[in-house]
N, C-alpha and C. Protein backbone atom coordinates (compact mmCIF):
# COMPACT_ATOMS: atom_id res chain seq x y z
N MET A 1 76.54 61.61 123.78
CA MET A 1 75.20 61.97 123.12
C MET A 1 74.31 61.39 121.89
N HIS A 2 73.96 60.64 121.77
CA HIS A 2 73.66 60.95 120.04
C HIS A 2 72.12 61.95 119.91
N ASP A 3 72.35 62.50 118.61
CA ASP A 3 71.32 63.37 118.33
C ASP A 3 70.08 62.18 117.74
N ILE A 4 69.16 63.49 118.46
CA ILE A 4 67.93 62.48 117.99
C ILE A 4 67.23 61.90 116.70
N VAL A 5 67.22 61.24 115.84
CA VAL A 5 66.67 61.29 114.87
C VAL A 5 66.30 61.36 114.24
N GLY A 6 65.83 62.29 113.23
CA GLY A 6 64.30 62.46 112.49
C GLY A 6 64.19 64.04 113.14
N ALA A 7 64.99 65.07 114.20
CA ALA A 7 64.82 65.60 114.86
C ALA A 7 64.23 67.23 114.38
N PRO A 8 63.38 67.81 114.44
CA PRO A 8 62.92 69.24 113.20
C PRO A 8 64.27 70.05 113.50
N SER A 9 64.76 70.32 112.33
CA SER A 9 65.64 71.54 112.52
C SER A 9 64.69 73.47 112.69
N PRO A 10 65.66 73.63 113.27
CA PRO A 10 64.96 74.52 113.69
C PRO A 10 64.42 75.76 112.88
N ALA A 11 64.87 75.66 111.16
CA ALA A 11 63.99 76.17 110.12
C ALA A 11 62.58 76.42 109.93
N ALA A 12 62.53 74.19 110.38
CA ALA A 12 60.72 74.38 109.78
C ALA A 12 60.22 74.41 111.17
N LEU A 13 60.32 74.71 111.98
CA LEU A 13 59.60 75.19 113.81
C LEU A 13 59.73 75.90 113.72
N LEU A 14 60.56 77.46 112.75
CA LEU A 14 59.75 78.66 112.61
C LEU A 14 59.08 79.33 110.96
N ALA A 15 59.36 77.80 110.15
CA ALA A 15 58.24 77.48 109.25
C ALA A 15 56.52 77.70 110.02
N VAL A 16 56.06 76.35 110.66
CA VAL A 16 55.41 76.07 111.44
C VAL A 16 54.40 77.58 112.79
N ALA A 17 55.58 78.06 113.42
CA ALA A 17 55.69 78.99 114.17
C ALA A 17 54.46 79.89 113.45
N VAL A 18 55.15 80.06 112.21
CA VAL A 18 54.75 81.45 111.13
C VAL A 18 53.46 80.70 110.51
N ALA A 19 53.59 79.82 110.58
CA ALA A 19 51.35 79.71 109.39
C ALA A 19 50.78 79.58 111.32
N VAL A 20 50.97 79.23 112.09
CA VAL A 20 50.48 79.26 113.30
C VAL A 20 50.17 80.29 113.22
N VAL A 21 50.47 81.27 113.32
CA VAL A 21 50.58 83.09 113.78
C VAL A 21 49.55 83.48 112.56
N LEU A 22 49.58 83.45 110.83
CA LEU A 22 49.90 83.83 110.44
C LEU A 22 47.99 83.09 109.25
N LEU A 23 47.99 81.85 109.55
CA LEU A 23 46.67 80.95 109.19
C LEU A 23 45.54 81.00 110.13
N PRO A 24 45.42 81.56 111.05
CA PRO A 24 44.39 82.36 111.97
C PRO A 24 43.60 83.80 110.99
N GLY A 25 44.31 84.20 110.60
CA GLY A 25 44.00 85.38 109.68
C GLY A 25 43.23 85.13 109.25
N ARG A 26 44.33 84.71 108.02
CA ARG A 26 43.56 83.94 106.96
C ARG A 26 41.95 84.20 106.50
N VAL A 27 42.12 82.57 107.50
CA VAL A 27 40.91 81.74 108.31
C VAL A 27 39.54 82.44 107.39
N ALA A 28 39.70 83.63 109.14
CA ALA A 28 39.34 84.72 109.53
C ALA A 28 38.79 85.36 107.86
N VAL A 29 39.86 85.87 107.48
CA VAL A 29 39.68 86.66 105.75
C VAL A 29 38.59 85.77 104.86
N SER A 30 39.14 85.11 105.17
CA SER A 30 38.25 83.61 104.80
C SER A 30 36.86 84.15 104.29
N ARG A 31 36.57 84.42 105.27
CA ARG A 31 35.21 83.79 106.14
C ARG A 31 34.37 84.73 106.07
N ARG A 32 34.97 86.28 105.80
CA ARG A 32 34.44 87.47 105.45
C ARG A 32 34.29 87.24 104.79
N MET A 33 34.91 86.84 103.61
CA MET A 33 34.58 86.84 102.28
C MET A 33 33.72 86.22 101.61
N ARG A 34 33.12 84.93 102.52
CA ARG A 34 32.52 84.03 102.00
C ARG A 34 30.95 84.60 102.78
N VAL A 35 31.06 84.98 103.46
CA VAL A 35 29.47 85.77 104.29
C VAL A 35 28.47 86.73 103.24
N PHE A 36 30.20 88.25 103.50
CA PHE A 36 29.83 89.57 102.65
C PHE A 36 29.67 89.79 101.12
N GLY A 37 30.81 88.42 100.35
CA GLY A 37 30.98 88.69 99.53
C GLY A 37 32.10 89.41 99.00
N PRO A 38 32.76 89.69 97.71
CA PRO A 38 33.36 90.34 97.62
C PRO A 38 33.23 91.79 97.46
N PRO A 39 33.72 92.96 97.15
CA PRO A 39 33.91 94.22 98.12
C PRO A 39 33.03 95.21 96.44
N ARG A 40 32.55 95.37 97.07
CA ARG A 40 31.55 96.50 95.62
C ARG A 40 31.48 97.86 95.33
N VAL A 41 31.99 97.83 93.77
CA VAL A 41 32.37 98.94 93.22
C VAL A 41 31.07 99.21 93.22
N ALA A 42 30.95 100.73 93.93
CA ALA A 42 30.37 102.16 93.75
C ALA A 42 29.68 102.18 91.73
N ALA A 43 28.87 101.61 90.97
CA ALA A 43 28.21 102.30 89.79
C ALA A 43 28.72 103.55 89.80
N PRO A 44 29.26 104.19 88.90
CA PRO A 44 29.01 105.71 89.08
C PRO A 44 28.23 106.47 88.29
N ALA A 45 27.73 107.17 88.69
CA ALA A 45 26.85 108.36 88.85
C ALA A 45 26.70 108.63 86.81
N ARG A 46 25.12 108.39 86.63
CA ARG A 46 25.07 108.34 84.91
C ARG A 46 24.64 110.38 84.84
N ALA A 47 25.31 110.86 84.79
CA ALA A 47 25.45 112.20 84.20
C ALA A 47 24.44 113.17 83.20
N THR A 48 23.82 113.70 84.05
CA THR A 48 22.14 113.83 83.02
C THR A 48 22.51 115.06 82.09
N ALA A 49 23.03 114.54 81.31
CA ALA A 49 23.09 116.13 80.32
C ALA A 49 22.30 116.66 79.30
N LYS A 50 22.38 117.40 79.52
CA LYS A 50 21.39 119.13 78.83
C LYS A 50 21.82 119.49 77.50
N VAL A 51 20.33 119.07 77.01
CA VAL A 51 20.47 119.39 75.95
C VAL A 51 20.29 120.95 75.32
N ASP A 52 21.80 121.09 74.10
CA ASP A 52 20.99 122.60 74.35
C ASP A 52 20.23 122.89 73.79
N PRO A 53 19.40 123.66 73.70
CA PRO A 53 18.37 124.92 72.86
C PRO A 53 19.04 124.95 71.18
N LEU A 54 20.02 125.72 71.48
CA LEU A 54 20.51 125.73 69.75
C LEU A 54 21.55 125.51 69.19
N GLY A 55 21.13 123.22 69.59
CA GLY A 55 22.40 123.28 69.46
C GLY A 55 21.36 122.32 67.31
N SER A 56 20.45 121.84 67.34
CA SER A 56 20.12 121.99 66.05
C SER A 56 20.88 123.18 65.73
N ALA A 57 20.24 124.71 66.51
CA ALA A 57 20.66 125.43 64.89
C ALA A 57 21.57 125.64 64.25
N ALA A 58 22.84 125.23 65.52
CA ALA A 58 24.42 124.88 64.81
C ALA A 58 24.58 124.00 63.82
N ALA A 59 24.04 122.55 64.80
CA ALA A 59 23.30 121.98 62.95
C ALA A 59 23.70 121.90 61.74
N PHE A 60 22.46 122.70 61.98
CA PHE A 60 22.13 123.24 60.13
C PHE A 60 22.75 124.14 60.07
N ASP A 61 23.02 124.82 60.71
CA ASP A 61 24.37 126.01 59.96
C ASP A 61 24.99 125.01 59.40
N LEU A 62 25.85 124.07 59.74
CA LEU A 62 26.88 123.32 59.90
C LEU A 62 26.74 122.65 58.09
N LEU A 63 25.64 122.39 58.95
CA LEU A 63 25.13 121.28 57.27
C LEU A 63 24.96 122.20 56.20
N ALA A 64 24.25 123.41 55.64
CA ALA A 64 25.24 124.34 55.24
C ALA A 64 25.61 124.92 54.85
N ALA A 65 27.44 124.83 55.64
CA ALA A 65 28.35 125.30 55.69
C ALA A 65 28.73 124.41 54.58
N CYS A 66 28.56 123.04 54.89
CA CYS A 66 28.92 121.28 54.45
C CYS A 66 28.53 122.12 52.63
N LEU A 67 27.17 122.31 52.23
CA LEU A 67 26.47 121.61 51.19
C LEU A 67 27.53 122.71 50.50
N ARG A 68 27.11 123.88 50.92
CA ARG A 68 27.64 125.55 50.64
C ARG A 68 28.98 124.57 49.33
N ALA A 69 30.26 124.41 50.18
CA ALA A 69 31.20 123.80 50.03
C ALA A 69 31.91 122.94 48.55
N GLY A 70 30.38 122.12 48.55
CA GLY A 70 30.07 121.49 47.76
C GLY A 70 30.86 120.08 48.64
N LEU A 71 30.06 119.82 49.39
CA LEU A 71 29.91 118.41 50.29
C LEU A 71 28.52 117.46 49.17
N PRO A 72 28.87 116.27 49.11
CA PRO A 72 27.59 115.96 48.88
C PRO A 72 26.84 115.59 50.45
N MET A 73 25.84 116.03 49.98
CA MET A 73 24.50 115.32 51.08
C MET A 73 24.96 114.23 52.03
N ALA A 74 25.05 113.11 52.21
CA ALA A 74 25.49 112.12 52.78
C ALA A 74 26.66 112.62 53.84
N GLY A 75 28.27 112.93 52.53
CA GLY A 75 29.76 113.75 53.31
C GLY A 75 28.91 114.95 54.63
N ALA A 76 28.21 115.59 54.23
CA ALA A 76 28.02 117.22 55.26
C ALA A 76 26.44 116.52 55.88
N ALA A 77 26.04 115.43 55.77
CA ALA A 77 25.18 115.33 57.08
C ALA A 77 25.95 114.60 57.89
N ARG A 78 26.90 113.58 57.46
CA ARG A 78 27.72 112.60 58.87
C ARG A 78 28.98 113.82 58.88
N ALA A 79 28.89 115.08 58.51
CA ALA A 79 29.85 115.66 59.28
C ALA A 79 29.44 116.84 60.52
N SER A 80 28.14 117.33 60.40
CA SER A 80 27.18 117.92 61.42
C SER A 80 26.75 117.61 62.02
N ALA A 81 26.31 115.92 62.21
CA ALA A 81 25.74 114.71 63.05
C ALA A 81 26.75 115.07 64.50
N PRO A 82 27.30 115.60 64.78
CA PRO A 82 27.98 115.24 65.90
C PRO A 82 27.68 116.55 66.80
N THR A 83 27.21 117.70 65.53
CA THR A 83 26.79 118.69 67.24
C THR A 83 25.57 118.88 66.93
N ALA A 84 24.60 117.81 66.52
CA ALA A 84 23.59 117.97 66.74
C ALA A 84 22.66 117.93 67.69
N PRO A 85 21.82 117.55 67.68
CA PRO A 85 20.95 116.76 69.94
C PRO A 85 20.42 114.71 69.11
N PRO A 86 20.50 114.62 70.07
CA PRO A 86 20.14 113.46 69.42
C PRO A 86 19.65 112.51 68.90
N VAL A 87 17.93 113.14 68.69
CA VAL A 87 17.08 113.13 67.95
C VAL A 87 17.99 113.04 65.92
N LEU A 88 17.59 114.45 66.02
CA LEU A 88 18.25 115.17 64.32
C LEU A 88 19.91 114.60 64.93
N GLN A 89 20.68 114.35 65.44
CA GLN A 89 21.56 113.56 65.01
C GLN A 89 21.95 112.28 64.42
N SER A 90 20.70 110.95 65.48
CA SER A 90 20.49 110.06 64.53
C SER A 90 19.57 110.04 63.38
N ALA A 91 18.94 110.95 63.16
CA ALA A 91 18.44 111.39 61.56
C ALA A 91 19.96 111.73 60.71
N LEU A 92 20.56 112.10 61.53
CA LEU A 92 21.15 112.74 60.23
C LEU A 92 21.92 111.28 59.26
N LEU A 93 22.00 110.75 60.36
CA LEU A 93 23.81 109.39 60.65
C LEU A 93 22.28 108.18 59.58
N ARG A 94 21.80 107.99 59.73
CA ARG A 94 20.23 107.58 59.59
C ARG A 94 20.37 107.77 58.09
N ALA A 95 20.10 109.39 57.19
CA ALA A 95 19.93 109.36 55.71
C ALA A 95 21.30 109.50 55.12
N ALA A 96 21.84 109.39 56.05
CA ALA A 96 23.44 109.79 55.41
C ALA A 96 24.42 108.21 55.10
N ASP A 97 23.80 107.50 56.25
CA ASP A 97 24.05 105.60 56.01
C ASP A 97 23.34 104.76 54.41
N LEU A 98 22.15 105.21 54.13
CA LEU A 98 21.15 105.53 52.98
C LEU A 98 21.31 105.75 52.19
N LEU A 99 21.68 107.17 51.79
CA LEU A 99 22.21 107.95 50.87
C LEU A 99 23.59 106.95 50.17
N ALA A 100 24.95 106.62 51.09
CA ALA A 100 26.20 106.28 50.47
C ALA A 100 25.23 104.93 49.91
N LEU A 101 24.62 104.00 50.85
CA LEU A 101 24.09 102.95 50.16
C LEU A 101 23.73 102.77 48.23
N GLY A 102 23.37 104.28 48.65
CA GLY A 102 22.56 104.10 46.69
C GLY A 102 20.73 104.52 47.19
N ALA A 103 20.38 104.71 48.04
CA ALA A 103 19.21 105.27 47.98
C ALA A 103 19.17 106.37 47.64
N ASP A 104 18.52 106.71 46.95
CA ASP A 104 17.46 108.40 46.40
C ASP A 104 16.78 109.55 47.69
N ALA A 105 16.95 110.84 47.46
CA ALA A 105 17.10 111.23 49.01
C ALA A 105 15.89 111.04 49.29
N ALA A 106 14.32 111.07 48.46
CA ALA A 106 13.28 110.74 49.08
C ALA A 106 13.21 110.44 50.03
N THR A 107 13.48 108.60 49.87
CA THR A 107 13.58 107.75 50.51
C THR A 107 14.23 107.49 51.60
N ALA A 108 16.02 108.34 51.66
CA ALA A 108 16.32 107.90 52.14
C ALA A 108 15.47 108.80 54.10
N TRP A 109 15.44 110.06 53.37
CA TRP A 109 14.71 111.19 54.07
C TRP A 109 13.26 110.69 55.18
N GLU A 110 12.42 110.13 54.24
CA GLU A 110 11.05 109.57 54.50
C GLU A 110 11.30 108.60 55.76
N ARG A 111 12.49 107.40 55.16
CA ARG A 111 12.38 107.14 56.54
C ARG A 111 13.76 107.76 57.97
N ALA A 112 14.38 108.29 57.41
CA ALA A 112 15.09 109.17 58.80
C ALA A 112 13.74 109.99 59.51
N ALA A 113 12.56 110.33 58.86
CA ALA A 113 11.75 111.16 59.48
C ALA A 113 11.01 109.98 60.59
N ALA A 114 11.00 108.97 59.43
CA ALA A 114 9.56 108.01 60.07
C ALA A 114 10.17 106.88 61.39
N ASP A 115 11.76 107.03 61.69
CA ASP A 115 12.94 106.29 62.83
C ASP A 115 11.85 108.17 63.49
N ALA A 116 12.11 109.25 63.42
CA ALA A 116 12.04 110.11 64.67
C ALA A 116 10.76 110.03 64.83
N ALA A 117 10.11 110.10 64.46
CA ALA A 117 8.39 110.29 65.09
C ALA A 117 8.33 109.82 65.69
N GLY A 118 7.77 110.64 67.13
CA GLY A 118 7.41 111.15 68.61
C GLY A 118 8.18 110.79 69.49
N SER A 119 8.95 111.32 68.88
CA SER A 119 11.00 111.80 70.15
C SER A 119 10.58 113.34 69.76
N ALA A 120 11.27 113.69 70.78
CA ALA A 120 11.38 115.53 71.06
C ALA A 120 12.63 115.45 69.96
N GLY A 121 12.27 116.47 69.33
CA GLY A 121 12.60 117.46 68.23
C GLY A 121 12.42 117.12 67.08
N ALA A 122 11.33 116.30 66.84
CA ALA A 122 10.59 114.86 65.80
C ALA A 122 10.61 115.95 64.37
N ASP A 123 9.92 117.76 64.55
CA ASP A 123 9.59 118.21 64.57
C ASP A 123 11.00 118.68 63.00
N GLU A 124 11.81 119.45 63.58
CA GLU A 124 12.95 119.35 63.51
C GLU A 124 13.22 118.63 62.28
N VAL A 125 13.61 117.35 61.97
CA VAL A 125 13.81 117.02 61.40
C VAL A 125 12.92 116.67 60.52
N GLU A 126 11.64 115.91 60.35
CA GLU A 126 10.20 116.60 59.46
C GLU A 126 10.95 117.37 58.74
N SER A 127 11.13 118.47 59.26
CA SER A 127 11.01 120.12 58.75
C SER A 127 12.12 119.55 57.35
N LEU A 128 13.49 118.86 58.22
CA LEU A 128 14.87 119.13 57.52
C LEU A 128 15.18 117.68 56.28
N ALA A 129 13.62 117.30 56.38
CA ALA A 129 13.62 115.70 55.90
C ALA A 129 12.25 116.20 54.89
N ARG A 130 11.76 117.21 54.98
CA ARG A 130 11.03 117.91 53.94
C ARG A 130 10.93 118.84 52.97
N MET A 131 12.52 119.35 53.26
CA MET A 131 13.39 120.36 51.91
C MET A 131 14.22 120.01 51.13
N ALA A 132 14.24 118.30 52.27
CA ALA A 132 15.66 118.12 51.78
C ALA A 132 14.78 116.42 50.48
N ARG A 133 13.98 116.56 50.50
CA ARG A 133 12.67 116.15 49.46
C ARG A 133 12.45 116.59 48.56
N ARG A 134 11.93 117.99 48.93
CA ARG A 134 11.74 119.20 47.44
C ARG A 134 12.72 119.85 46.79
N SER A 135 13.83 119.66 47.63
CA SER A 135 15.42 120.11 47.05
C SER A 135 15.97 118.79 45.79
N ALA A 136 15.10 117.98 46.18
CA ALA A 136 15.56 116.45 45.03
C ALA A 136 14.62 116.89 43.81
N ARG A 137 13.62 116.43 44.41
CA ARG A 137 12.43 117.02 43.30
C ARG A 137 12.98 118.53 42.51
N SER A 138 12.92 119.61 42.16
CA SER A 138 13.27 120.61 42.12
C SER A 138 14.49 120.84 41.63
N GLY A 139 15.31 120.18 42.28
CA GLY A 139 17.15 121.29 42.23
C GLY A 139 16.99 121.77 42.54
N ALA A 140 16.42 122.87 43.94
CA ALA A 140 16.98 123.99 44.06
C ALA A 140 17.72 123.62 45.23
N SER A 141 18.55 124.54 46.13
CA SER A 141 19.44 125.23 46.34
C SER A 141 19.42 124.44 48.24
N LEU A 142 19.16 123.06 48.98
CA LEU A 142 19.37 122.98 50.11
C LEU A 142 19.67 123.58 50.78
N ALA A 143 21.35 124.70 50.48
CA ALA A 143 21.97 125.14 51.80
C ALA A 143 20.78 127.08 52.01
N ALA A 144 20.05 126.79 51.01
CA ALA A 144 19.86 128.10 52.32
C ALA A 144 18.70 127.98 52.40
N ALA A 145 17.98 126.77 52.21
CA ALA A 145 16.87 126.80 53.12
C ALA A 145 17.38 125.53 54.66
N VAL A 146 18.18 125.47 54.45
CA VAL A 146 18.81 125.24 56.07
C VAL A 146 19.02 125.66 56.56
N GLY A 147 19.85 127.13 56.11
CA GLY A 147 19.90 127.96 56.85
C GLY A 147 18.74 129.06 57.11
N GLU A 148 18.02 129.06 56.78
CA GLU A 148 16.63 129.82 57.16
C GLU A 148 16.26 128.64 58.24
N LEU A 149 16.60 127.47 57.96
CA LEU A 149 16.01 126.64 58.96
C LEU A 149 16.62 127.15 59.89
N ALA A 150 18.01 126.78 60.02
CA ALA A 150 18.40 126.94 61.29
C ALA A 150 17.56 128.95 61.61
N THR A 151 17.71 129.48 60.95
CA THR A 151 17.31 130.56 62.31
C THR A 151 15.41 131.02 61.97
N GLN A 152 15.00 129.75 61.52
CA GLN A 152 14.08 129.88 61.94
C GLN A 152 14.25 129.64 63.98
N ARG A 153 15.20 128.25 63.86
CA ARG A 153 15.42 127.58 65.06
C ARG A 153 15.81 128.31 65.86
N ARG A 154 17.03 129.70 66.03
CA ARG A 154 17.51 130.86 66.94
C ARG A 154 15.91 131.96 67.01
N GLU A 155 15.01 131.58 66.17
CA GLU A 155 13.60 133.08 66.57
C GLU A 155 13.07 132.00 67.59
N ALA A 156 13.08 130.86 66.86
CA ALA A 156 11.97 129.82 68.22
C ALA A 156 12.40 130.08 69.58
N VAL A 157 13.62 129.92 69.67
CA VAL A 157 14.10 129.79 70.89
C VAL A 157 14.40 130.98 71.48
N GLU A 158 14.54 131.98 70.78
CA GLU A 158 14.56 133.43 71.67
C GLU A 158 13.22 133.66 72.28
N ASP A 159 12.37 133.18 71.15
CA ASP A 159 10.34 133.23 71.29
C ASP A 159 10.43 133.16 72.65
N ILE A 160 11.05 131.31 72.54
CA ILE A 160 10.29 130.05 74.53
C ILE A 160 10.67 131.35 75.19
N ALA A 161 12.40 132.18 75.29
CA ALA A 161 13.00 132.15 76.52
C ALA A 161 12.68 133.85 76.71
N VAL A 162 11.89 134.87 75.78
CA VAL A 162 10.92 136.02 75.55
C VAL A 162 9.99 134.98 76.76
N ALA A 163 9.43 134.83 76.90
CA ALA A 163 8.54 134.09 76.73
C ALA A 163 8.01 133.59 78.08
N ARG A 164 9.35 133.27 78.64
CA ARG A 164 9.52 132.52 79.78
C ARG A 164 9.98 133.71 80.82
N ALA A 165 10.67 134.63 80.42
CA ALA A 165 11.43 135.84 80.75
C ALA A 165 9.79 136.81 81.19
N GLU A 166 8.73 137.22 80.07
CA GLU A 166 7.51 137.43 81.13
C GLU A 166 7.31 137.60 81.66
N ARG A 167 6.63 135.63 81.83
CA ARG A 167 5.82 134.68 82.34
C ARG A 167 6.98 134.99 84.26
N ALA A 168 7.73 134.65 83.84
CA ALA A 168 8.84 135.34 85.41
C ALA A 168 7.95 136.27 85.94
N GLY A 169 8.19 137.95 85.48
CA GLY A 169 8.04 138.74 86.11
C GLY A 169 6.45 139.03 85.46
N VAL A 170 5.66 138.47 85.64
CA VAL A 170 4.16 138.42 85.83
C VAL A 170 4.70 137.75 87.00
N LEU A 171 4.79 135.76 87.15
CA LEU A 171 4.82 135.76 89.13
C LEU A 171 5.22 135.77 89.96
N ILE A 172 6.81 137.45 89.75
CA ILE A 172 6.89 137.89 90.33
C ILE A 172 6.43 138.94 91.35
N GLY A 173 5.96 139.83 90.15
CA GLY A 173 4.77 141.01 90.86
C GLY A 173 3.59 140.44 91.48
N GLY A 174 3.65 139.71 91.86
CA GLY A 174 1.97 139.03 92.55
C GLY A 174 2.88 139.03 93.94
N PRO A 175 3.80 138.11 94.13
CA PRO A 175 4.51 138.81 96.17
C PRO A 175 4.73 139.94 96.22
N LEU A 176 5.40 140.79 94.93
CA LEU A 176 5.98 142.00 95.61
C LEU A 176 4.44 142.78 96.44
N GLY A 177 4.26 142.65 95.00
CA GLY A 177 2.59 143.62 95.03
C GLY A 177 1.66 143.48 96.35
N LEU A 178 1.78 141.87 96.82
CA LEU A 178 1.13 141.59 98.55
C LEU A 178 2.21 142.28 99.74
N CYS A 179 3.25 141.82 99.33
CA CYS A 179 4.85 143.12 100.21
C CYS A 179 4.32 144.81 100.30
N PHE A 180 4.28 144.89 99.39
CA PHE A 180 4.51 146.28 99.60
C PHE A 180 2.90 147.20 99.68
N LEU A 181 1.62 146.52 99.25
CA LEU A 181 0.29 146.66 99.37
C LEU A 181 0.62 146.76 101.12
N PRO A 182 0.88 147.05 102.09
CA PRO A 182 0.63 146.50 103.33
C PRO A 182 1.33 148.14 104.05
N ALA A 183 2.61 148.56 103.42
CA ALA A 183 3.42 149.52 103.66
C ALA A 183 1.76 150.84 102.77
N PHE A 184 1.53 150.72 101.80
CA PHE A 184 1.68 151.46 100.90
C PHE A 184 0.15 152.01 101.54
N VAL A 185 -0.78 151.13 102.96
CA VAL A 185 -1.47 151.63 103.01
C VAL A 185 -1.32 151.87 104.21
N CYS A 186 -0.31 151.83 105.14
CA CYS A 186 -0.13 151.76 106.60
C CYS A 186 0.95 153.89 106.01
N LEU A 187 1.60 153.72 105.38
CA LEU A 187 2.05 154.96 104.87
C LEU A 187 1.53 156.04 103.74
N GLY A 188 0.31 155.62 103.43
CA GLY A 188 0.14 156.24 102.36
C GLY A 188 -1.25 157.05 102.71
N ILE A 189 -2.36 156.22 103.30
CA ILE A 189 -3.70 155.79 103.51
C ILE A 189 -4.08 156.55 104.50
N VAL A 190 -3.48 155.43 105.24
CA VAL A 190 -3.20 156.12 107.25
C VAL A 190 -3.08 157.32 107.71
N PRO A 191 -2.74 157.36 107.56
CA PRO A 191 -2.55 158.66 107.92
C PRO A 191 -3.13 160.41 107.66
N VAL A 192 -3.42 160.06 105.27
CA VAL A 192 -4.39 160.90 105.54
C VAL A 192 -5.47 160.44 106.47
N VAL A 193 -6.32 159.74 106.62
CA VAL A 193 -7.39 158.76 107.04
C VAL A 193 -7.44 159.63 107.79
N ILE A 194 -6.04 159.78 109.06
CA ILE A 194 -6.07 160.00 110.33
C ILE A 194 -6.54 161.24 110.48
N GLY A 195 -5.36 162.56 109.41
CA GLY A 195 -5.02 163.95 109.34
C GLY A 195 -6.23 164.70 109.09
N LEU A 196 -7.29 163.76 107.91
CA LEU A 196 -9.39 163.78 108.03
C LEU A 196 -9.71 164.18 109.18
N ALA A 197 -9.39 163.24 109.62
CA ALA A 197 -10.78 162.94 111.20
C ALA A 197 -10.15 163.89 112.38
N ASP A 198 -9.15 164.09 112.31
CA ASP A 198 -8.46 164.37 113.19
C ASP A 198 -9.53 166.45 112.77
N ARG A 199 -9.54 166.63 112.16
CA ARG A 199 -10.09 168.18 111.72
C ARG A 199 -11.29 168.39 111.60
N VAL A 200 -12.33 167.25 111.25
CA VAL A 200 -13.25 167.07 111.26
C VAL A 200 -14.07 167.00 112.25
N LEU A 201 -12.85 165.68 113.79
CA LEU A 201 -13.71 165.94 115.29
C LEU A 201 -13.02 167.46 115.59
N GLY A 202 -12.31 167.73 114.91
CA GLY A 202 -11.63 168.70 115.41
C GLY A 202 -13.00 170.22 115.82
N ASN A 203 -13.18 170.37 114.80
CA ASN A 203 -14.35 171.93 114.27
C ASN A 203 -15.29 171.31 114.34
N GLY A 204 -15.90 170.15 115.00
CA GLY A 204 -17.02 169.67 115.62
C GLY A 204 -17.78 169.92 114.33
N GLY A 205 -16.92 169.06 113.04
CA GLY A 205 -17.84 168.60 111.83
C GLY A 205 -19.06 167.64 112.04
N LEU A 206 -18.50 166.68 113.09
CA LEU A 206 -20.24 165.60 113.32
C LEU A 206 -21.25 166.26 114.63
N LEU A 207 -20.96 167.44 114.94
CA LEU A 207 -21.86 167.78 115.83
C LEU A 207 -23.26 168.35 115.42
């Protein structure tokens, strides 16, 4: 008996069997990928950062401390910018860049205030810019003025908090009054009226 010429080897047969088993699965997976597309990765939810109402006051305090320490206005503004709210932060960085490029204080702060106009917190930027321009013209200390601006900001936040607390007290007082009024009528007025009516009717006062 002679061996058949060209007979497949056992290794080739095993490879063909594995291909037959795995090929339908790969074809099905590729079809699903074409139909449904690649898996979508959910976009991370954007965190809603809350603005600290005292953030501007802290930034003004840091700016005043930097100026008292002898830093130039450009360096002080850049150092205090990270602690400030977004609008004030942009204004501080804008003024710092213009001052570093050689612009005078009046022009730099005027540009910064103009960029922040119409945004929430633009009044704080305008107040700081006005003080900086006044200090540049008169030579007065800007650190003391910025410190006063921080104090005014804290007082404004405190007044807003007190007003909200008083308003909440008024709003809470109405429902509480409506809850206690029926109890007061039933336990305070009705027994008195019944007692008086009993005395009057018992004594024949209506006859």
